[in-house]
Protein backbone atom coordinates (compact mmCIF):
# COMPACT_ATOMS: atom_id res chain seq x y z
CA MET A 1 -35.31 9.88 -16.54
CA ALA A 2 -35.69 6.55 -14.75
CA CYS A 3 -35.57 3.19 -16.47
CA SER A 4 -38.56 0.91 -16.07
CA VAL A 5 -38.36 -2.79 -16.80
CA SER A 6 -40.97 -5.43 -16.21
CA ALA A 7 -40.17 -9.05 -15.42
CA PRO A 8 -41.65 -10.48 -18.66
CA THR A 9 -39.57 -8.01 -20.69
CA LEU A 10 -36.38 -9.16 -18.95
CA LEU A 11 -36.95 -12.77 -19.91
CA ASN A 12 -37.26 -11.84 -23.58
CA LEU A 13 -34.12 -9.74 -23.82
CA LYS A 14 -31.26 -10.57 -26.17
CA HIS A 15 -29.11 -13.41 -24.78
CA SER A 16 -32.15 -14.68 -22.89
CA HIS A 17 -30.33 -17.99 -22.55
CA SER A 18 -28.56 -16.47 -19.50
CA PRO A 19 -29.24 -18.66 -16.47
CA LEU A 20 -32.12 -17.89 -14.12
CA LEU A 21 -31.21 -18.46 -10.49
CA LEU A 22 -33.60 -18.58 -7.52
CA PRO A 23 -31.41 -18.49 -4.40
CA LYS A 24 -34.20 -17.38 -2.05
CA LYS A 25 -37.97 -17.22 -2.06
CA SER A 26 -38.15 -13.48 -1.85
CA LYS A 27 -35.38 -12.78 -4.35
CA THR A 28 -35.02 -13.44 -8.03
CA ARG A 29 -31.65 -13.13 -9.71
CA PHE A 30 -31.32 -12.67 -13.46
CA SER A 31 -28.09 -12.79 -15.41
CA ILE A 32 -28.70 -10.51 -18.38
CA PRO A 33 -26.72 -8.27 -20.70
CA TYR A 34 -26.28 -4.57 -20.08
CA ILE A 35 -29.49 -2.51 -20.26
CA ASN A 36 -28.84 0.77 -22.05
CA CYS A 37 -30.60 3.35 -19.93
CA SER A 38 -29.90 6.74 -18.42
CA HIS A 39 -28.96 5.33 -15.01
CA PRO A 40 -25.28 4.44 -14.61
CA PRO A 41 -24.59 0.97 -13.22
CA SER A 42 -23.38 2.52 -9.97
CA LYS A 43 -26.93 3.51 -8.96
CA PHE A 44 -29.41 1.25 -7.19
CA LEU A 45 -32.96 1.29 -8.58
CA PHE A 46 -35.93 0.43 -6.40
CA PHE A 47 -39.41 -0.84 -7.13
CA SER A 48 -42.01 -2.03 -4.65
CA SER A 49 -41.93 -5.82 -4.61
CA SER A 50 -39.38 -8.65 -4.83
CA ILE A 51 -35.75 -7.83 -5.55
CA ALA A 52 -34.20 -8.65 -8.89
CA GLN A 53 -30.45 -8.36 -9.19
CA PHE A 54 -29.01 -7.92 -12.65
CA ARG A 55 -25.49 -8.81 -13.69
CA HIS A 56 -24.38 -7.75 -17.12
CA PRO A 57 -21.59 -9.74 -18.78
CA VAL A 58 -18.64 -7.92 -20.24
CA SER A 59 -19.35 -6.36 -23.58
CA LYS A 60 -16.73 -6.14 -26.29
CA ASN A 61 -16.38 -2.38 -26.13
CA GLN A 62 -15.28 -2.59 -22.49
CA ASN A 63 -12.07 -4.48 -23.30
CA PHE A 64 -12.28 -6.75 -20.28
CA LEU A 65 -10.60 -10.11 -20.60
CA SER A 66 -12.87 -12.22 -18.49
CA GLY A 67 -15.31 -12.48 -15.72
CA GLY A 68 -15.82 -8.84 -14.71
CA THR A 69 -19.37 -7.77 -13.96
CA ALA A 70 -21.09 -4.65 -12.79
CA VAL A 71 -23.91 -5.18 -10.33
CA TRP A 72 -27.01 -3.18 -9.44
CA LYS A 73 -30.28 -4.06 -7.75
CA VAL A 74 -33.90 -3.30 -8.64
CA ARG A 75 -37.31 -4.18 -7.28
CA ALA A 76 -40.18 -4.85 -9.62
CA SER A 77 -43.38 -2.84 -9.19
CA ALA A 78 -46.72 -2.78 -10.93
CA GLY A 79 -46.00 0.59 -12.47
CA GLY A 80 -42.44 -0.26 -13.38
CA GLU A 81 -41.01 3.08 -12.16
CA ALA A 82 -37.50 3.34 -10.76
CA LYS A 83 -36.00 5.65 -8.18
CA SER A 84 -32.39 6.18 -7.17
CA LEU A 85 -31.29 5.02 -3.77
CA GLY A 86 -28.70 7.75 -3.43
CA SER A 87 -25.98 7.65 -0.85
CA ASP A 88 -26.98 4.32 0.67
CA ALA A 89 -25.75 2.41 -2.37
CA THR A 90 -22.47 0.58 -2.41
CA TYR A 91 -21.14 0.08 -5.91
CA GLN A 92 -18.88 -2.85 -6.64
CA GLU A 93 -16.90 -1.77 -9.68
CA ALA A 94 -16.66 -4.10 -12.64
CA PHE A 95 -13.16 -5.42 -13.17
CA SER A 96 -11.19 -8.50 -14.07
CA TRP A 97 -7.66 -9.27 -12.91
CA PRO A 98 -6.20 -9.46 -16.42
CA SER A 99 -7.68 -6.07 -17.30
CA VAL A 100 -6.24 -4.57 -14.12
CA ILE A 101 -2.72 -5.94 -14.54
CA PHE A 102 -2.60 -6.17 -18.37
CA PRO A 103 -5.07 -3.57 -19.64
CA TYR A 104 -3.92 -3.70 -23.25
CA ALA A 105 -3.98 -7.48 -23.61
CA PRO A 106 -7.54 -7.47 -25.12
CA LEU A 107 -6.20 -5.39 -28.02
CA ILE A 108 -3.53 -7.91 -28.97
CA SER A 109 -5.60 -9.54 -31.66
CA GLY A 110 -6.50 -6.19 -33.19
CA ILE A 111 -3.23 -4.30 -32.94
CA GLY A 112 -0.56 -6.91 -32.43
CA PHE A 113 1.66 -8.32 -29.76
CA TYR A 114 3.24 -4.91 -29.14
CA SER A 115 0.18 -3.98 -27.10
CA PHE A 116 0.94 -6.74 -24.63
CA LEU A 117 4.40 -5.28 -24.07
CA ARG A 118 3.20 -1.75 -23.32
CA ILE A 119 5.05 -0.58 -20.22
CA ASP A 120 1.86 0.52 -18.45
CA SER A 121 0.45 -3.00 -18.72
CA VAL A 122 2.11 -3.67 -15.37
CA ARG A 123 1.35 -0.25 -13.92
CA PHE A 124 0.83 -1.31 -10.30
CA LEU A 125 4.37 -2.67 -10.19
CA PHE A 126 5.99 0.72 -10.74
CA PRO A 127 4.64 2.45 -7.60
CA ALA A 128 5.48 -0.72 -5.66
CA LEU A 129 9.12 -0.39 -6.81
CA GLY A 130 9.30 2.57 -4.42
CA GLY A 131 8.79 0.07 -1.60
CA LEU A 132 11.32 -2.34 -3.09
CA LEU A 133 14.00 0.40 -3.12
CA PHE A 134 13.20 1.23 0.50
CA GLY A 135 13.59 -2.41 1.49
CA TYR A 136 16.71 -2.76 -0.64
CA ASP A 137 18.40 0.03 1.34
CA ILE A 138 17.71 -1.84 4.59
CA GLY A 139 19.15 -5.09 3.25
CA ALA A 140 22.10 -3.57 1.43
CA THR A 141 23.15 -1.43 4.40
CA SER A 142 23.58 -4.51 6.60
CA GLY A 143 26.27 -5.81 4.24
CA ALA A 144 27.64 -2.43 3.18
CA THR A 145 28.60 -1.45 6.71
CA LEU A 146 30.64 -4.65 7.11
CA SER A 147 32.40 -3.90 3.83
CA LEU A 148 32.91 -0.22 4.61
CA LEU A 149 34.55 -0.91 8.00
CA SER A 150 36.95 -3.56 6.71
CA PRO A 151 40.57 -2.41 6.27
CA GLU A 152 41.05 -4.98 3.50
CA LEU A 153 37.72 -4.66 1.71
CA SER A 154 36.57 -1.04 2.06
CA GLY A 155 38.89 0.24 -0.66
CA THR A 156 39.16 3.58 1.20
CA ALA A 157 41.59 5.32 3.50
CA TRP A 158 38.78 6.49 5.78
CA PHE A 159 37.37 3.08 6.78
CA ASN A 160 38.04 3.56 10.49
CA LEU A 161 34.67 5.12 11.30
CA SER A 162 33.64 6.02 14.83
CA ALA A 163 30.42 4.68 16.32
CA VAL A 164 28.71 8.03 15.70
CA GLN A 165 29.88 8.15 12.07
CA LEU A 166 28.72 4.60 11.46
CA GLY A 167 25.38 5.42 13.05
CA LEU A 168 24.97 8.35 10.67
CA VAL A 169 25.74 6.12 7.68
CA VAL A 170 23.18 3.53 8.78
CA SER A 171 20.43 5.99 9.75
CA GLY A 172 21.14 8.65 7.11
CA SER A 173 18.37 7.41 4.80
CA LEU A 174 15.95 7.27 7.73
CA TYR A 175 16.50 10.93 8.56
CA GLY A 176 16.21 11.75 4.87
CA ALA A 177 12.85 9.97 4.86
CA LEU A 178 11.77 12.05 7.86
CA LEU A 179 12.75 15.23 6.02
CA GLY A 180 11.04 14.05 2.83
CA SER A 181 7.75 13.39 4.61
CA LEU A 182 7.96 16.88 6.16
CA LEU A 183 8.65 18.54 2.82
CA VAL A 184 5.84 16.76 0.99
CA TYR A 185 3.21 17.67 3.62
CA PRO A 186 2.32 21.12 2.19
CA ILE A 187 2.90 20.30 -1.50
CA ALA A 188 1.47 16.78 -1.93
CA ASP A 189 -1.75 17.89 -3.65
CA PHE A 190 0.11 20.35 -5.85
CA LEU A 191 2.58 17.74 -7.08
CA GLY A 192 0.07 14.96 -7.62
CA ARG A 193 0.69 11.29 -6.97
CA ARG A 194 2.37 10.47 -10.32
CA ARG A 195 4.81 13.39 -10.31
CA GLU A 196 5.66 12.71 -6.68
CA LEU A 197 6.69 9.15 -7.56
CA ILE A 198 8.72 10.33 -10.56
CA LEU A 199 10.56 12.77 -8.26
CA ALA A 200 11.07 9.96 -5.73
CA ALA A 201 12.64 7.80 -8.46
CA LEU A 202 15.03 10.63 -9.41
CA LEU A 203 16.05 11.07 -5.77
CA TYR A 204 16.56 7.33 -5.40
CA ALA A 205 18.78 7.20 -8.50
CA PHE A 206 20.80 10.30 -7.64
CA GLY A 207 21.21 9.30 -4.00
CA GLY A 208 22.31 5.78 -4.93
CA LEU A 209 24.87 7.02 -7.45
CA VAL A 210 26.29 9.68 -5.09
CA THR A 211 26.59 7.11 -2.28
CA ALA A 212 28.24 4.53 -4.54
CA SER A 213 30.82 6.98 -5.89
CA ALA A 214 31.48 8.89 -2.65
CA PRO A 215 35.16 9.91 -2.32
CA GLY A 216 34.73 10.64 1.38
CA LEU A 217 32.41 10.35 4.36
CA GLY A 218 30.74 13.75 3.82
CA VAL A 219 29.63 12.91 0.26
CA LEU A 220 28.55 9.46 1.43
CA LEU A 221 26.28 10.98 4.08
CA LEU A 222 24.87 13.43 1.53
CA GLY A 223 24.02 10.54 -0.77
CA ARG A 224 22.32 8.67 2.08
CA LEU A 225 20.25 11.76 2.90
CA VAL A 226 19.16 12.26 -0.74
CA TYR A 227 18.24 8.58 -1.02
CA GLY A 228 16.18 8.95 2.15
CA LEU A 229 14.29 11.87 0.60
CA GLY A 230 13.26 9.43 -2.14
CA ILE A 231 12.06 6.98 0.51
CA GLY A 232 9.91 9.66 2.16
CA LEU A 233 8.25 10.63 -1.12
CA ALA A 234 7.82 7.04 -2.35
CA MET A 235 6.29 5.77 0.88
CA HIS A 236 3.83 8.66 0.66
CA GLY A 237 3.03 8.61 -3.05
CA ALA A 238 2.89 4.86 -3.74
CA PRO A 239 -0.07 3.95 -1.50
CA LEU A 240 -1.85 7.13 -2.62
CA TYR A 241 -1.53 6.36 -6.32
CA ILE A 242 -2.49 2.69 -5.97
CA ALA A 243 -5.45 3.41 -3.67
CA GLU A 244 -6.86 6.06 -5.99
CA THR A 245 -6.48 4.09 -9.22
CA CYS A 246 -7.45 0.50 -8.41
CA PRO A 247 -10.89 -1.18 -8.01
CA SER A 248 -12.08 -1.14 -4.39
CA GLN A 249 -12.54 -4.94 -4.33
CA ILE A 250 -8.79 -5.53 -4.73
CA ARG A 251 -7.43 -2.33 -3.20
CA GLY A 252 -6.13 -4.23 -0.18
CA THR A 253 -4.26 -6.74 -2.30
CA LEU A 254 -2.61 -4.16 -4.53
CA ILE A 255 -1.57 -1.78 -1.73
CA SER A 256 -0.28 -4.72 0.30
CA LEU A 257 1.98 -5.51 -2.65
CA LYS A 258 4.04 -2.52 -1.53
CA GLU A 259 4.86 -4.29 1.73
CA LEU A 260 5.64 -7.45 -0.24
CA PHE A 261 8.01 -5.42 -2.41
CA ILE A 262 9.67 -3.97 0.70
CA VAL A 263 10.42 -7.50 1.86
CA LEU A 264 11.58 -8.44 -1.64
CA GLY A 265 13.86 -5.41 -1.54
CA ILE A 266 15.33 -6.48 1.80
CA LEU A 267 15.99 -9.93 0.36
CA LEU A 268 17.56 -8.44 -2.76
CA GLY A 269 19.81 -6.28 -0.58
CA TYR A 270 20.85 -9.33 1.46
CA PHE A 271 21.63 -11.33 -1.69
CA VAL A 272 23.63 -8.53 -3.32
CA GLY A 273 25.49 -8.04 -0.05
CA SER A 274 26.31 -11.75 0.22
CA PHE A 275 27.72 -11.77 -3.34
CA GLN A 276 29.75 -8.55 -2.97
CA ILE A 277 30.90 -8.95 0.64
CA ASP A 278 34.34 -10.28 -0.39
CA VAL A 279 34.90 -7.73 -3.18
CA VAL A 280 37.16 -4.74 -2.54
CA GLY A 281 34.89 -1.69 -2.47
CA GLY A 282 31.88 -4.02 -2.50
CA TRP A 283 29.79 -1.48 -0.55
CA ARG A 284 29.83 0.77 -3.63
CA TYR A 285 28.20 -1.95 -5.72
CA MET A 286 25.67 -2.68 -2.97
CA TYR A 287 24.45 0.90 -2.96
CA GLY A 288 24.89 1.46 -6.69
CA VAL A 289 22.51 -1.38 -7.72
CA SER A 290 19.58 0.79 -6.63
CA ALA A 291 20.16 3.31 -9.44
CA PRO A 292 19.02 1.19 -12.43
CA VAL A 293 15.98 -0.03 -10.48
CA ALA A 294 15.10 3.60 -9.72
CA LEU A 295 15.45 4.40 -13.42
CA ILE A 296 12.93 1.66 -14.29
CA MET A 297 10.56 3.05 -11.66
CA GLY A 298 10.87 6.59 -13.02
CA LEU A 299 10.32 5.58 -16.65
CA GLY A 300 7.39 3.40 -15.64
CA MET A 301 5.68 6.18 -13.71
CA TRP A 302 6.34 8.63 -16.56
CA SER A 303 4.37 6.33 -18.87
CA LEU A 304 1.34 6.14 -16.57
CA PRO A 305 -1.60 8.55 -16.35
CA PRO A 306 -2.21 10.75 -13.28
CA SER A 307 -4.68 9.64 -10.63
CA PRO A 308 -8.24 10.36 -11.85
CA ARG A 309 -9.34 11.18 -8.29
CA TRP A 310 -6.51 13.69 -7.96
CA LEU A 311 -7.62 15.36 -11.20
CA LEU A 312 -11.19 15.57 -9.89
CA LEU A 313 -9.93 16.96 -6.60
CA ARG A 314 -8.12 19.72 -8.51
CA ALA A 315 -11.35 20.39 -10.42
CA VAL A 316 -13.39 20.72 -7.21
CA GLN A 317 -10.68 22.94 -5.74
CA GLY A 318 -10.94 25.26 -8.74
CA LYS A 319 -7.32 24.65 -9.76
CA GLY A 320 -8.18 24.42 -13.44
CA SER A 321 -10.97 24.11 -15.97
CA LEU A 322 -13.64 21.75 -14.62
CA GLN A 323 -14.45 20.37 -18.07
CA GLU A 324 -10.81 19.90 -19.05
CA LEU A 325 -9.88 18.17 -15.79
CA LYS A 326 -12.95 15.95 -16.01
CA GLU A 327 -12.04 14.91 -19.56
CA ARG A 328 -8.48 14.14 -18.45
CA ALA A 329 -9.86 12.09 -15.56
CA ILE A 330 -12.09 10.10 -17.94
CA SER A 331 -9.15 9.48 -20.27
CA ALA A 332 -6.90 8.41 -17.37
CA PHE A 333 -9.57 6.14 -15.88
CA SER A 334 -10.27 4.48 -19.25
CA ARG A 335 -6.60 3.81 -19.71
CA LEU A 336 -6.20 2.44 -16.18
CA ARG A 337 -9.07 -0.01 -16.79
CA GLY A 338 -7.87 -1.05 -20.24
CA ARG A 339 -10.84 0.52 -22.00
CA PRO A 340 -10.85 2.51 -25.25
CA ALA A 341 -10.74 6.31 -25.20
CA GLY A 342 -14.17 7.88 -24.73
CA ASP A 343 -15.55 4.77 -23.03
CA LYS A 344 -19.05 5.46 -21.66
CA VAL A 345 -18.67 3.23 -18.60
CA SER A 346 -15.60 5.21 -17.49
CA GLU A 347 -17.41 8.47 -18.20
CA ARG A 348 -20.35 7.45 -15.98
CA GLN A 349 -18.06 6.36 -13.13
CA ILE A 350 -16.10 9.63 -13.28
CA GLU A 351 -19.39 11.59 -13.29
CA ASP A 352 -20.48 9.68 -10.18
CA THR A 353 -17.20 10.35 -8.36
CA LEU A 354 -17.27 14.02 -9.30
CA GLY A 355 -20.86 14.27 -8.08
CA SER A 356 -19.87 12.66 -4.77
CA LEU A 357 -17.01 15.15 -4.34
CA LYS A 358 -19.20 18.14 -5.10
CA SER A 359 -21.83 16.90 -2.68
CA ALA A 360 -19.30 16.21 0.07
CA TYR A 361 -17.66 19.64 -0.18
CA LYS A 362 -20.57 21.86 -1.19
CA ASP A 363 -20.73 23.51 2.25
CA GLU A 364 -17.00 23.56 2.88
CA GLU A 365 -13.85 25.00 1.38
CA SER A 366 -12.79 22.54 -1.29
CA GLU A 367 -9.10 22.63 -0.34
CA GLY A 368 -8.28 21.50 3.18
CA SER A 369 -6.13 23.84 5.26
CA ILE A 370 -2.81 22.72 6.65
CA TRP A 371 -4.43 22.36 10.11
CA GLU A 372 -7.62 20.62 8.97
CA ILE A 373 -5.94 17.25 9.44
CA PHE A 374 -6.49 17.81 13.18
CA GLN A 375 -10.22 18.48 12.86
CA GLY A 376 -13.40 16.45 12.34
CA PRO A 377 -13.25 13.46 9.95
CA SER A 378 -9.57 14.05 9.14
CA LEU A 379 -8.65 13.88 12.83
CA LYS A 380 -10.58 10.62 13.17
CA ALA A 381 -8.73 9.26 10.14
CA PHE A 382 -5.38 10.35 11.57
CA ILE A 383 -6.11 8.69 14.92
CA ILE A 384 -6.81 5.42 13.06
CA GLY A 385 -3.98 5.57 10.51
CA GLY A 386 -1.41 7.33 12.67
CA GLY A 387 -2.18 5.01 15.59
CA LEU A 388 -1.56 1.94 13.45
CA VAL A 389 1.82 3.11 12.10
CA LEU A 390 2.84 4.22 15.61
CA PHE A 391 2.03 0.84 17.15
CA GLN A 392 3.72 -0.80 14.16
CA GLN A 393 7.03 0.56 15.47
CA ILE A 394 6.67 0.78 19.25
CA THR A 395 5.74 -2.89 19.59
CA GLY A 396 9.45 -3.48 19.12
CA GLN A 397 9.94 -4.58 15.52
CA PRO A 398 13.53 -3.23 15.19
CA SER A 399 14.47 -4.68 18.59
CA VAL A 400 13.10 -8.17 17.94
CA LEU A 401 14.93 -8.41 14.63
CA TYR A 402 18.09 -7.23 16.39
CA TYR A 403 17.89 -10.39 18.49
CA ALA A 404 17.34 -12.67 15.46
CA GLY A 405 21.01 -13.64 15.07
CA PRO A 406 21.71 -14.50 18.74
CA ILE A 407 18.43 -16.41 19.04
CA LEU A 408 19.17 -18.60 16.01
CA GLN A 409 22.75 -19.15 17.18
CA SER A 410 21.55 -20.27 20.62
CA ALA A 411 19.35 -22.86 18.92
CA GLY A 412 22.38 -24.36 17.20
CA PHE A 413 21.54 -23.47 13.61
CA SER A 414 24.76 -23.70 11.62
CA ALA A 415 23.60 -21.01 9.19
CA ALA A 416 23.47 -18.54 12.06
CA ALA A 417 27.25 -18.34 12.05
CA ASP A 418 27.01 -16.26 8.91
CA ALA A 419 25.03 -13.06 9.52
CA THR A 420 24.12 -12.59 5.88
CA ARG A 421 22.69 -16.10 5.56
CA VAL A 422 20.67 -15.73 8.77
CA SER A 423 19.23 -12.52 7.36
CA VAL A 424 18.23 -14.32 4.15
CA VAL A 425 16.43 -17.04 6.14
CA ILE A 426 14.44 -14.46 8.12
CA GLY A 427 13.78 -12.48 4.93
CA LEU A 428 12.41 -15.54 3.11
CA PHE A 429 10.04 -16.27 6.00
CA LYS A 430 8.89 -12.65 6.01
CA LEU A 431 8.24 -12.93 2.28
CA VAL A 432 6.10 -16.05 2.68
CA MET A 433 3.98 -14.52 5.44
CA THR A 434 3.58 -11.22 3.60
CA SER A 435 2.33 -13.18 0.58
CA VAL A 436 -0.35 -14.72 2.80
CA ALA A 437 -1.52 -11.24 3.82
CA VAL A 438 -1.55 -10.02 0.21
CA LEU A 439 -3.64 -12.99 -0.91
CA LYS A 440 -6.12 -12.87 1.98
CA VAL A 441 -6.58 -9.19 2.91
CA ASP A 442 -9.47 -8.64 0.49
CA ASP A 443 -11.11 -11.95 1.41
CA LEU A 444 -10.82 -11.92 5.20
CA GLY A 445 -10.77 -8.15 5.69
CA ARG A 446 -8.45 -5.80 7.56
CA ARG A 447 -9.71 -6.25 11.12
CA PRO A 448 -9.49 -10.07 11.35
CA LEU A 449 -5.89 -10.06 10.13
CA LEU A 450 -4.98 -7.20 12.46
CA ILE A 451 -6.64 -8.78 15.51
CA GLY A 452 -5.15 -12.21 14.86
CA GLY A 453 -1.72 -10.88 13.97
CA VAL A 454 -1.39 -8.44 16.87
CA SER A 455 -2.54 -11.15 19.30
CA GLY A 456 0.28 -13.35 17.97
CA ILE A 457 2.77 -10.48 18.33
CA ALA A 458 1.84 -10.05 21.99
CA LEU A 459 2.16 -13.79 22.64
CA SER A 460 5.54 -13.97 20.93
CA LEU A 461 6.91 -11.04 22.96
CA PHE A 462 5.83 -12.65 26.24
CA LEU A 463 7.46 -15.92 25.11
CA LEU A 464 10.71 -14.08 24.35
CA SER A 465 10.59 -12.43 27.77
CA ALA A 466 10.05 -15.83 29.40
CA TYR A 467 12.95 -17.29 27.42
CA TYR A 468 15.36 -14.64 28.70
CA LYS A 469 13.97 -14.91 32.26
CA PHE A 470 13.73 -18.63 32.99
CA LEU A 471 13.50 -20.70 29.77
CA GLY A 472 17.08 -20.24 28.62
CA GLY A 473 17.55 -24.00 28.44
CA PHE A 474 14.92 -24.29 25.72
CA PRO A 475 16.24 -22.34 22.72
CA LEU A 476 13.57 -23.72 20.41
CA VAL A 477 11.05 -21.68 22.43
CA ALA A 478 12.93 -18.53 21.45
CA VAL A 479 13.16 -19.60 17.81
CA ALA A 480 9.43 -20.35 17.72
CA ALA A 481 8.69 -16.99 19.37
CA LEU A 482 10.92 -15.15 16.87
CA LEU A 483 9.24 -16.77 13.87
CA LEU A 484 5.80 -16.20 15.43
CA TYR A 485 6.61 -12.51 15.84
CA VAL A 486 7.92 -12.11 12.29
CA GLY A 487 5.00 -14.05 10.79
CA CYS A 488 2.30 -12.25 12.77
CA TYR A 489 3.84 -8.85 12.06
CA GLN A 490 3.88 -9.57 8.33
CA ILE A 491 0.17 -10.49 8.21
CA SER A 492 -0.93 -7.54 10.35
CA PHE A 493 1.01 -4.34 11.10
CA GLY A 494 3.42 -4.79 8.20
CA PRO A 495 1.06 -4.47 5.20
CA ILE A 496 -2.26 -3.47 6.76
CA SER A 497 -1.08 -0.34 8.58
CA TRP A 498 -0.04 1.22 5.26
CA LEU A 499 -3.19 -0.07 3.59
CA MET A 500 -5.44 1.60 6.18
CA VAL A 501 -3.41 4.81 6.00
CA SER A 502 -3.86 4.99 2.23
CA GLU A 503 -7.63 4.51 2.29
CA ILE A 504 -8.90 6.11 5.50
CA PHE A 505 -8.27 9.84 4.89
CA PRO A 506 -10.83 12.11 3.15
CA LEU A 507 -9.77 12.97 -0.40
CA ARG A 508 -9.02 16.65 0.15
CA THR A 509 -6.73 15.96 3.15
CA ARG A 510 -5.45 12.57 1.94
CA GLY A 511 -2.09 13.91 0.75
CA LYS A 512 -1.40 15.79 3.98
CA GLY A 513 -2.78 12.96 6.13
CA ILE A 514 -0.58 10.28 4.60
CA SER A 515 2.41 12.61 4.83
CA LEU A 516 1.80 13.03 8.55
CA ALA A 517 1.35 9.27 8.98
CA VAL A 518 4.65 8.63 7.14
CA LEU A 519 6.31 11.18 9.42
CA THR A 520 4.83 9.41 12.47
CA ASN A 521 6.12 6.07 11.21
CA PHE A 522 9.69 7.16 10.53
CA GLY A 523 9.79 9.33 13.65
CA SER A 524 8.72 6.51 15.93
CA ASN A 525 11.11 4.16 14.11
CA ALA A 526 13.98 6.55 14.80
CA ILE A 527 12.99 6.88 18.48
CA VAL A 528 12.70 3.11 19.00
CA THR A 529 16.01 2.49 17.22
CA PHE A 530 17.76 5.18 19.26
CA ALA A 531 16.20 4.13 22.59
CA PHE A 532 16.80 0.39 22.21
CA SER A 533 20.35 0.24 23.56
CA PRO A 534 19.72 2.49 26.61
CA LEU A 535 16.50 0.59 27.43
CA LYS A 536 18.23 -2.77 27.05
CA GLU A 537 20.98 -1.65 29.41
CA LEU A 538 18.50 -0.21 31.89
CA LEU A 539 15.86 -2.98 31.87
CA GLY A 540 17.58 -6.04 30.49
CA GLY A 541 16.38 -8.10 27.52
CA ALA A 542 13.68 -9.97 29.44
CA ASN A 543 12.01 -6.85 30.85
CA LEU A 544 12.35 -5.01 27.55
CA PHE A 545 10.39 -7.71 25.73
CA LEU A 546 7.87 -7.69 28.59
CA LEU A 547 7.41 -3.94 28.03
CA PHE A 548 6.94 -4.45 24.30
CA GLY A 549 4.41 -7.21 25.05
CA ALA A 550 2.39 -4.84 27.24
CA ILE A 551 2.42 -2.24 24.45
CA ALA A 552 1.25 -4.95 22.04
CA LEU A 553 -1.76 -5.62 24.28
CA VAL A 554 -2.61 -1.90 24.23
CA SER A 555 -2.32 -1.92 20.45
CA LEU A 556 -4.67 -4.92 20.29
CA LEU A 557 -7.21 -2.99 22.36
CA PHE A 558 -6.78 -0.04 19.97
CA VAL A 559 -7.49 -2.24 16.95
CA VAL A 560 -10.58 -3.80 18.51
CA LEU A 561 -12.11 -0.51 19.70
CA VAL A 562 -10.99 2.04 17.10
CA VAL A 563 -10.03 0.49 13.75
CA PRO A 564 -12.99 -0.01 11.34
CA GLU A 565 -13.38 -2.57 8.56
CA THR A 566 -12.95 -1.05 5.10
CA LYS A 567 -12.99 -4.20 2.98
CA GLY A 568 -14.83 -3.70 -0.31
CA LEU A 569 -15.77 -0.07 0.34
CA SER A 570 -14.92 2.61 -2.19
CA LEU A 571 -12.82 5.53 -0.95
CA GLU A 572 -15.93 7.73 -1.16
CA ASP A 573 -17.92 5.21 0.93
CA ILE A 574 -15.20 5.19 3.59
CA GLU A 575 -15.33 8.98 3.75
CA THR A 576 -19.12 9.25 4.00
CA LYS A 577 -20.01 6.14 6.04
CA ILE A 578 -17.08 5.71 8.43
CA LEU A 579 -15.60 9.15 8.99
CA LYS A 580 -18.79 11.22 9.13
């Protein structure tokens, strides 16, 4: 039954001291408390004359700390009747930052300070630790290989590794990640996002411990492969879990935190390597540090609820009792928003999402087939997400960073004489620029950052080509180009490719789609890494950067013509308005 409210009634409601704002002639905006009616706040109600937009402040039973509001629009009519807008509505979910990051803080006064220390009060950090451990492996390996090859410092009798053996040590985790993304493709929806991340943490811990204690090369390579399996699962499950559990208004910020944590992990690996580089058997410590971090990640994920959207997907697929799965989804959603059990706002939002899923899949099989990713909306999503992670690699990121040391040395930087310190300098700059993307992605949107960043990448690659062709006497040009490349990559392809991948796929093929995108990313990374040396020998550094610059221009064209803006849209809105 529809709610009907007349303008005079609104002005006499409780808390009528709320301010009355008149931003435009044709619109009237009231700030009023929540109206208890049968329509959930996620519906838009229409009358026949001027628009009135109502914002209800946070009520005590919602356990929000500050500032969060739910918004819906109505138009006043003579009869006062209301009708639902339906699928054209875009609902901006009520949230506040403290309630997202510290959901139990509002209960401190009632229960005690223990609530503030609940491990799930920082729940979005635990999936992001999967990215930190991926980055840590990159940073630690750079120092570990130096330690492992040293006759004095390796602490082994098998330190004299061939080029092929060393290559296997360095790339072992990468091939493990490839295998992990292949294995998770058919079982992602069965495992669920939370269990996948718990399994990733176990693989991280076991792989790190096996690598650190390896008595010989064979066990070392096994440990690297197992650790890589953890990378494959974590890079798949982390963006999935965050995307499906956070408010749409800040989804970009929270998913981009994973990229920030990757950079933090690289820095951590560089720092640990610099401290342990002169220790006999220091490579064991470099790899072993990952184990306790993986344990924290696993315990943190164990304490968190499953993704409510995943539970609803299982309900629509008929994988369990509809009522039981819906109740679990409500409980999980309430907990994720810091609300009490049985909260009515969470119940209404879960009902809306379930209704959207039923409507979307009423004429289709609820569970996507293994090949559906290459059909219809899922194919469109894969072209967008897979294209971004492909261009992320083939615009030369590994190759440009390979040149970082020589470029800084040619500019006369004293710190460049020490490879580990140079790496820290580059890592710190990457961290600063990634922070900019994290802070601005939900304000500026995905497309502006991608277009601006990829344009800068292309310019930097052409500058590097020019430096190696005819500007060799101006090393500061190369330094500026290097920093421009790193900075532009970290505000565009670095975080936003993974963000778009996590939000662009339809729910029922999201697990398989992200798995395929992860496979594309690691596969193209492996190809670029493998092909770099032959291409450099064949083309020369100048022409190689020119080739990467041309690919960057193609990627810019791809972004402009193909990649949509998803800022502020719910995952259901993206599926219905962009993909269909």
